[in-house]
């Protein structure tokens, strides 16, 4: 389908805190449990792993490098 990145890399790019906030608004607004944020996302944001902006999320980001390296917490 020629997607430029997968869903986890996209979430890191957007910011995991932003993704969490969006899910909280959807869950509160619709009251549907399918929009409840997963505990992993909540824990990552609480721990400060916000994706590209913090240097680590589902992947680890190094300034000046375009290599996609999975975060050590998931190996």
PDB file of N, CA and C in Angstrom:
ATOM      1  N   UNK A   1       0.820  -1.199   0.000  1.00  0.00           N
ATOM      2  CA  UNK A   1       0.000   0.000   0.000  1.00  0.00           C
ATOM      3  C   UNK A   1       0.858   1.255   0.000  1.00  0.00           C
ATOM      4  N   UNK A   2       2.157   1.100   0.076  1.00  0.00           N
ATOM      5  CA  UNK A   2       3.098   2.213  -0.030  1.00  0.00           C
ATOM      6  C   UNK A   2       2.921   3.262   1.067  1.00  0.00           C
ATOM      7  N   UNK A   3       2.660   2.809   2.290  1.00  0.00           N
ATOM      8  CA  UNK A   3       2.607   3.745   3.408  1.00  0.00           C
ATOM      9  C   UNK A   3       4.033   4.160   3.755  1.00  0.00           C
ATOM     10  N   UNK A   4       4.279   5.441   3.998  1.00  0.00           N
ATOM     11  CA  UNK A   4       5.649   5.889   4.277  1.00  0.00           C
ATOM     12  C   UNK A   4       6.182   5.407   5.624  1.00  0.00           C
ATOM     13  N   UNK A   5       5.296   5.047   6.558  1.00  0.00           N
ATOM     14  CA  UNK A   5       5.728   4.540   7.864  1.00  0.00           C
ATOM     15  C   UNK A   5       4.600   3.728   8.473  1.00  0.00           C
ATOM     16  N   UNK A   6       4.944   2.882   9.417  1.00  0.00           N
ATOM     17  CA  UNK A   6       3.953   2.063  10.096  1.00  0.00           C
ATOM     18  C   UNK A   6       3.241   2.830  11.195  1.00  0.00           C
ATOM     19  N   UNK A   7       2.247   2.215  11.824  1.00  0.00           N
ATOM     20  CA  UNK A   7       1.448   2.918  12.834  1.00  0.00           C
ATOM     21  C   UNK A   7       2.230   3.319  14.082  1.00  0.00           C
ATOM     22  N   UNK A   8       3.188   2.507  14.508  1.00  0.00           N
ATOM     23  CA  UNK A   8       3.953   2.861  15.708  1.00  0.00           C
ATOM     24  C   UNK A   8       4.931   3.995  15.428  1.00  0.00           C
ATOM     25  N   UNK A   9       5.553   3.971  14.264  1.00  0.00           N
ATOM     26  CA  UNK A   9       6.455   5.060  13.890  1.00  0.00           C
ATOM     27  C   UNK A   9       5.656   6.349  13.711  1.00  0.00           C
ATOM     28  N   UNK A  10       4.465   6.261  13.147  1.00  0.00           N
ATOM     29  CA  UNK A  10       3.610   7.433  12.987  1.00  0.00           C
ATOM     30  C   UNK A  10       3.202   7.998  14.350  1.00  0.00           C
ATOM     31  N   UNK A  11       2.865   7.117  15.296  1.00  0.00           N
ATOM     32  CA  UNK A  11       2.511   7.568  16.647  1.00  0.00           C
ATOM     33  C   UNK A  11       3.694   8.292  17.295  1.00  0.00           C
ATOM     34  N   UNK A  12       4.915   7.745  17.126  1.00  0.00           N
ATOM     35  CA  UNK A  12       6.108   8.414  17.643  1.00  0.00           C
ATOM     36  C   UNK A  12       6.284   9.788  16.995  1.00  0.00           C
ATOM     37  N   UNK A  13       6.038   9.871  15.698  1.00  0.00           N
ATOM     38  CA  UNK A  13       6.199  11.129  14.960  1.00  0.00           C
ATOM     39  C   UNK A  13       5.187  12.178  15.436  1.00  0.00           C
ATOM     40  N   UNK A  14       3.939  11.764  15.615  1.00  0.00           N
ATOM     41  CA  UNK A  14       2.885  12.668  16.102  1.00  0.00           C
ATOM     42  C   UNK A  14       3.176  13.081  17.541  1.00  0.00           C
ATOM     43  N   UNK A  15       3.615  12.147  18.327  1.00  0.00           N
ATOM     44  CA  UNK A  15       3.855  12.346  19.762  1.00  0.00           C
ATOM     45  C   UNK A  15       2.905  11.451  20.534  1.00  0.00           C
ATOM     46  N   UNK A  16       3.456  10.606  21.380  1.00  0.00           N
ATOM     47  CA  UNK A  16       2.610   9.677  22.127  1.00  0.00           C
ATOM     48  C   UNK A  16       1.688  10.408  23.088  1.00  0.00           C
ATOM     49  N   UNK A  17       2.127  11.559  23.585  1.00  0.00           N
ATOM     50  CA  UNK A  17       1.271  12.365  24.457  1.00  0.00           C
ATOM     51  C   UNK A  17       0.066  12.916  23.695  1.00  0.00           C
ATOM     52  N   UNK A  18       0.280  13.282  22.442  1.00  0.00           N
ATOM     53  CA  UNK A  18      -0.814  13.782  21.600  1.00  0.00           C
ATOM     54  C   UNK A  18      -1.794  12.648  21.297  1.00  0.00           C
ATOM     55  N   UNK A  19      -1.266  11.476  20.979  1.00  0.00           N
ATOM     56  CA  UNK A  19      -2.126  10.306  20.720  1.00  0.00           C
ATOM     57  C   UNK A  19      -2.966   9.979  21.951  1.00  0.00           C
ATOM     58  N   UNK A  20      -2.337  10.021  23.122  1.00  0.00           N
ATOM     59  CA  UNK A  20      -3.061   9.745  24.365  1.00  0.00           C
ATOM     60  C   UNK A  20      -4.161  10.779  24.588  1.00  0.00           C
ATOM     61  N   UNK A  21      -3.852  12.031  24.364  1.00  0.00           N
ATOM     62  CA  UNK A  21      -4.838  13.094  24.542  1.00  0.00           C
ATOM     63  C   UNK A  21      -6.033  12.919  23.604  1.00  0.00           C
ATOM     64  N   UNK A  22      -5.759  12.560  22.366  1.00  0.00           N
ATOM     65  CA  UNK A  22      -6.834  12.336  21.385  1.00  0.00           C
ATOM     66  C   UNK A  22      -7.729  11.189  21.833  1.00  0.00           C
ATOM     67  N   UNK A  23      -7.114  10.100  22.271  1.00  0.00           N
ATOM     68  CA  UNK A  23      -7.909   8.954  22.734  1.00  0.00           C
ATOM     69  C   UNK A  23      -8.751   9.314  23.958  1.00  0.00           C
ATOM     70  N   UNK A  24      -8.195  10.109  24.869  1.00  0.00           N
ATOM     71  CA  UNK A  24      -8.955  10.516  26.057  1.00  0.00           C
ATOM     72  C   UNK A  24     -10.163  11.369  25.680  1.00  0.00           C
ATOM     73  N   UNK A  25     -10.000  12.274  24.728  1.00  0.00           N
ATOM     74  CA  UNK A  25     -11.116  13.110  24.268  1.00  0.00           C
ATOM     75  C   UNK A  25     -12.191  12.251  23.607  1.00  0.00           C
ATOM     76  N   UNK A  26     -11.771  11.317  22.747  1.00  0.00           N
ATOM     77  CA  UNK A  26     -12.733  10.429  22.090  1.00  0.00           C
ATOM     78  C   UNK A  26     -13.463   9.560  23.104  1.00  0.00           C
ATOM     79  N   UNK A  27     -12.720   9.026  24.070  1.00  0.00           N
ATOM     80  CA  UNK A  27     -13.337   8.165  25.082  1.00  0.00           C
ATOM     81  C   UNK A  27     -14.325   8.946  25.944  1.00  0.00           C
ATOM     82  N   UNK A  28     -13.926  10.139  26.366  1.00  0.00           N
ATOM     83  CA  UNK A  28     -14.818  10.974  27.179  1.00  0.00           C
ATOM     84  C   UNK A  28     -16.029  11.438  26.378  1.00  0.00           C
ATOM     85  N   UNK A  29     -15.812  11.790  25.129  1.00  0.00           N
ATOM     86  CA  UNK A  29     -16.899  12.328  24.302  1.00  0.00           C
ATOM     87  C   UNK A  29     -17.923  11.289  23.893  1.00  0.00           C
ATOM     88  N   UNK A  30     -17.448  10.123  23.480  1.00  0.00           N
ATOM     89  CA  UNK A  30     -18.363   9.088  23.000  1.00  0.00           C
ATOM     90  C   UNK A  30     -18.737   8.086  24.075  1.00  0.00           C
ATOM     91  N   UNK A  31     -17.937   7.985  25.111  1.00  0.00           N
ATOM     92  CA  UNK A  31     -18.208   7.026  26.175  1.00  0.00           C
ATOM     93  C   UNK A  31     -18.077   5.586  25.729  1.00  0.00           C
ATOM     94  N   UNK A  32     -17.395   5.376  24.626  1.00  0.00           N
ATOM     95  CA  UNK A  32     -17.242   4.028  24.086  1.00  0.00           C
ATOM     96  C   UNK A  32     -15.898   3.467  24.537  1.00  0.00           C
ATOM     97  N   UNK A  33     -15.899   2.266  25.156  1.00  0.00           N
ATOM     98  CA  UNK A  33     -14.649   1.704  25.658  1.00  0.00           C
ATOM     99  C   UNK A  33     -13.615   1.389  24.572  1.00  0.00           C
ATOM    100  N   UNK A  34     -14.030   1.325  23.315  1.00  0.00           N
ATOM    101  CA  UNK A  34     -13.051   1.046  22.262  1.00  0.00           C
ATOM    102  C   UNK A  34     -12.056   2.189  22.088  1.00  0.00           C
ATOM    103  N   UNK A  35     -12.376   3.367  22.602  1.00  0.00           N
ATOM    104  CA  UNK A  35     -11.469   4.515  22.516  1.00  0.00           C
ATOM    105  C   UNK A  35     -10.609   4.684  23.771  1.00  0.00           C
ATOM    106  N   UNK A  36     -10.772   3.809  24.750  1.00  0.00           N
ATOM    107  CA  UNK A  36      -9.974   3.908  25.975  1.00  0.00           C
ATOM    108  C   UNK A  36      -8.506   3.659  25.641  1.00  0.00           C
ATOM    109  N   UNK A  37      -7.622   4.534  26.084  1.00  0.00           N
ATOM    110  CA  UNK A  37      -6.196   4.337  25.785  1.00  0.00           C
ATOM    111  C   UNK A  37      -5.667   3.086  26.477  1.00  0.00           C
ATOM    112  N   UNK A  38      -4.784   2.373  25.788  1.00  0.00           N
ATOM    113  CA  UNK A  38      -4.229   1.148  26.374  1.00  0.00           C
ATOM    114  C   UNK A  38      -3.240   1.515  27.481  1.00  0.00           C
ATOM    115  N   UNK A  39      -3.106   0.640  28.477  1.00  0.00           N
ATOM    116  CA  UNK A  39      -2.200   0.916  29.590  1.00  0.00           C
ATOM    117  C   UNK A  39      -0.749   1.141  29.147  1.00  0.00           C
ATOM    118  N   UNK A  40      -0.295   0.463  28.100  1.00  0.00           N
ATOM    119  CA  UNK A  40       1.073   0.653  27.616  1.00  0.00           C
ATOM    120  C   UNK A  40       1.303   2.105  27.200  1.00  0.00           C
ATOM    121  N   UNK A  41       0.364   2.680  26.461  1.00  0.00           N
ATOM    122  CA  UNK A  41       0.487   4.068  26.022  1.00  0.00           C
ATOM    123  C   UNK A  41       0.501   5.012  27.218  1.00  0.00           C
ATOM    124  N   UNK A  42      -0.385   4.792  28.169  1.00  0.00           N
ATOM    125  CA  UNK A  42      -0.441   5.633  29.373  1.00  0.00           C
ATOM    126  C   UNK A  42       0.878   5.546  30.137  1.00  0.00           C
ATOM    127  N   UNK A  43       1.406   4.335  30.304  1.00  0.00           N
ATOM    128  CA  UNK A  43       2.663   4.147  31.040  1.00  0.00           C
ATOM    129  C   UNK A  43       3.832   4.815  30.328  1.00  0.00           C
ATOM    130  N   UNK A  44       3.876   4.701  28.995  1.00  0.00           N
ATOM    131  CA  UNK A  44       4.970   5.310  28.241  1.00  0.00           C
ATOM    132  C   UNK A  44       4.954   6.829  28.379  1.00  0.00           C
ATOM    133  N   UNK A  45       3.779   7.430  28.259  1.00  0.00           N
ATOM    134  CA  UNK A  45       3.673   8.890  28.381  1.00  0.00           C
ATOM    135  C   UNK A  45       4.024   9.329  29.801  1.00  0.00           C
ATOM    136  N   UNK A  46       3.548   8.594  30.797  1.00  0.00           N
ATOM    137  CA  UNK A  46       3.854   8.915  32.194  1.00  0.00           C
ATOM    138  C   UNK A  46       5.355   8.845  32.461  1.00  0.00           C
ATOM    139  N   UNK A  47       6.029   7.881  31.818  1.00  0.00           N
ATOM    140  CA  UNK A  47       7.475   7.711  32.002  1.00  0.00           C
ATOM    141  C   UNK A  47       8.296   8.700  31.185  1.00  0.00           C
ATOM    142  N   UNK A  48       7.632   9.474  30.328  1.00  0.00           N
ATOM    143  CA  UNK A  48       8.341  10.487  29.549  1.00  0.00           C
ATOM    144  C   UNK A  48       8.802  10.035  28.179  1.00  0.00           C
ATOM    145  N   UNK A  49       8.383   8.845  27.757  1.00  0.00           N
ATOM    146  CA  UNK A  49       8.710   8.361  26.416  1.00  0.00           C
ATOM    147  C   UNK A  49       7.639   8.873  25.458  1.00  0.00           C
ATOM    148  N   UNK A  50       7.921  10.006  24.804  1.00  0.00           N
ATOM    149  CA  UNK A  50       6.916  10.693  24.000  1.00  0.00           C
ATOM    150  C   UNK A  50       7.126  10.538  22.502  1.00  0.00           C
ATOM    151  N   UNK A  51       8.129   9.786  22.094  1.00  0.00           N
ATOM    152  CA  UNK A  51       8.403   9.616  20.671  1.00  0.00           C
ATOM    153  C   UNK A  51       9.564  10.477  20.235  1.00  0.00           C
ATOM    154  N   UNK A  52       9.479  11.009  19.034  1.00  0.00           N
ATOM    155  CA  UNK A  52      10.578  11.789  18.447  1.00  0.00           C
ATOM    156  C   UNK A  52      10.963  12.969  19.340  1.00  0.00           C
ATOM    157  N   UNK A  53       9.994  13.658  19.900  1.00  0.00           N
ATOM    158  CA  UNK A  53      10.295  14.875  20.670  1.00  0.00           C
ATOM    159  C   UNK A  53      11.099  14.613  21.944  1.00  0.00           C
ATOM    160  N   UNK A  54      11.015  13.393  22.489  1.00  0.00           N
ATOM    161  CA  UNK A  54      11.812  13.069  23.674  1.00  0.00           C
ATOM    162  C   UNK A  54      13.013  12.184  23.334  1.00  0.00           C
ATOM    163  N   UNK A  55      13.086  11.736  22.088  1.00  0.00           N
ATOM    164  CA  UNK A  55      14.201  10.899  21.659  1.00  0.00           C
ATOM    165  C   UNK A  55      13.930   9.412  21.757  1.00  0.00           C
ATOM    166  N   UNK A  56      12.821   9.047  22.389  1.00  0.00           N
ATOM    167  CA  UNK A  56      12.478   7.632  22.501  1.00  0.00           C
ATOM    168  C   UNK A  56      10.988   7.461  22.713  1.00  0.00           C
ATOM    169  N   UNK A  57      10.455   6.467  22.029  1.00  0.00           N
ATOM    170  CA  UNK A  57       9.064   6.061  22.158  1.00  0.00           C
ATOM    171  C   UNK A  57       9.053   4.572  21.876  1.00  0.00           C
ATOM    172  N   UNK A  58       8.391   4.178  20.812  1.00  0.00           N
ATOM    173  CA  UNK A  58       8.473   2.784  20.374  1.00  0.00           C
ATOM    174  C   UNK A  58       9.818   2.538  19.693  1.00  0.00           C
ATOM    175  N   UNK A  59      10.407   3.596  19.187  1.00  0.00           N
ATOM    176  CA  UNK A  59      11.728   3.552  18.563  1.00  0.00           C
ATOM    177  C   UNK A  59      12.637   4.540  19.269  1.00  0.00           C
ATOM    178  N   UNK A  60      13.948   4.370  19.100  1.00  0.00           N
ATOM    179  CA  UNK A  60      14.930   5.284  19.680  1.00  0.00           C
ATOM    180  C   UNK A  60      15.442   6.191  18.573  1.00  0.00           C
ATOM    181  N   UNK A  61      15.451   7.475  18.821  1.00  0.00           N
ATOM    182  CA  UNK A  61      15.840   8.466  17.820  1.00  0.00           C
ATOM    183  C   UNK A  61      17.120   9.166  18.247  1.00  0.00           C
ATOM    184  N   UNK A  62      18.071   9.239  17.322  1.00  0.00           N
ATOM    185  CA  UNK A  62      19.340   9.910  17.552  1.00  0.00           C
ATOM    186  C   UNK A  62      19.441  11.068  16.568  1.00  0.00           C
ATOM    187  N   UNK A  63      19.834  12.231  17.055  1.00  0.00           N
ATOM    188  CA  UNK A  63      19.950  13.413  16.197  1.00  0.00           C
ATOM    189  C   UNK A  63      20.903  13.131  15.030  1.00  0.00           C
ATOM    190  N   UNK A  64      20.475  13.473  13.845  1.00  0.00           N
ATOM    191  CA  UNK A  64      21.300  13.320  12.652  1.00  0.00           C
ATOM    192  C   UNK A  64      21.256  11.939  12.026  1.00  0.00           C
ATOM    193  N   UNK A  65      20.558  10.996  12.642  1.00  0.00           N
ATOM    194  CA  UNK A  65      20.484   9.635  12.113  1.00  0.00           C
ATOM    195  C   UNK A  65      19.066   9.341  11.641  1.00  0.00           C
ATOM    196  N   UNK A  66      18.973   8.656  10.518  1.00  0.00           N
ATOM    197  CA  UNK A  66      17.661   8.258  10.003  1.00  0.00           C
ATOM    198  C   UNK A  66      17.415   6.768  10.193  1.00  0.00           C
ATOM    199  N   UNK A  67      18.314   6.101  10.932  1.00  0.00           N
ATOM    200  CA  UNK A  67      18.144   4.675  11.201  1.00  0.00           C
ATOM    201  C   UNK A  67      16.967   4.460  12.132  1.00  0.00           C
ATOM    202  N   UNK A  68      16.179   3.442  11.850  1.00  0.00           N
ATOM    203  CA  UNK A  68      15.027   3.099  12.673  1.00  0.00           C
ATOM    204  C   UNK A  68      15.452   1.994  13.634  1.00  0.00           C
ATOM    205  N   UNK A  69      15.607   2.351  14.904  1.00  0.00           N
ATOM    206  CA  UNK A  69      16.077   1.417  15.920  1.00  0.00           C
ATOM    207  C   UNK A  69      14.969   1.210  16.944  1.00  0.00           C
ATOM    208  N   UNK A  70      14.574  -0.040  17.139  1.00  0.00           N
ATOM    209  CA  UNK A  70      13.538  -0.358  18.122  1.00  0.00           C
ATOM    210  C   UNK A  70      14.056  -0.034  19.506  1.00  0.00           C
ATOM    211  N   UNK A  71      13.212   0.563  20.321  1.00  0.00           N
ATOM    212  CA  UNK A  71      13.586   0.909  21.691  1.00  0.00           C
ATOM    213  C   UNK A  71      14.010  -0.340  22.453  1.00  0.00           C
ATOM    214  N   UNK A  72      15.011  -0.210  23.290  1.00  0.00           N
ATOM    215  CA  UNK A  72      15.524  -1.336  24.059  1.00  0.00           C
ATOM    216  C   UNK A  72      14.498  -1.985  24.959  1.00  0.00           C
ATOM    217  N   UNK A  73      13.448  -1.263  25.327  1.00  0.00           N
ATOM    218  CA  UNK A  73      12.405  -1.819  26.205  1.00  0.00           C
ATOM    219  C   UNK A  73      11.580  -2.879  25.499  1.00  0.00           C
ATOM    220  N   UNK A  74      11.644  -2.956  24.176  1.00  0.00           N
ATOM    221  CA  UNK A  74      10.818  -3.903  23.418  1.00  0.00           C
ATOM    222  C   UNK A  74      11.621  -5.024  22.789  1.00  0.00           C
ATOM    223  N   UNK A  75      12.881  -5.136  23.138  1.00  0.00           N
ATOM    224  CA  UNK A  75      13.723  -6.203  22.563  1.00  0.00           C
ATOM    225  C   UNK A  75      13.727  -7.406  23.465  1.00  0.00           C
TER     226      UNK A  75
END
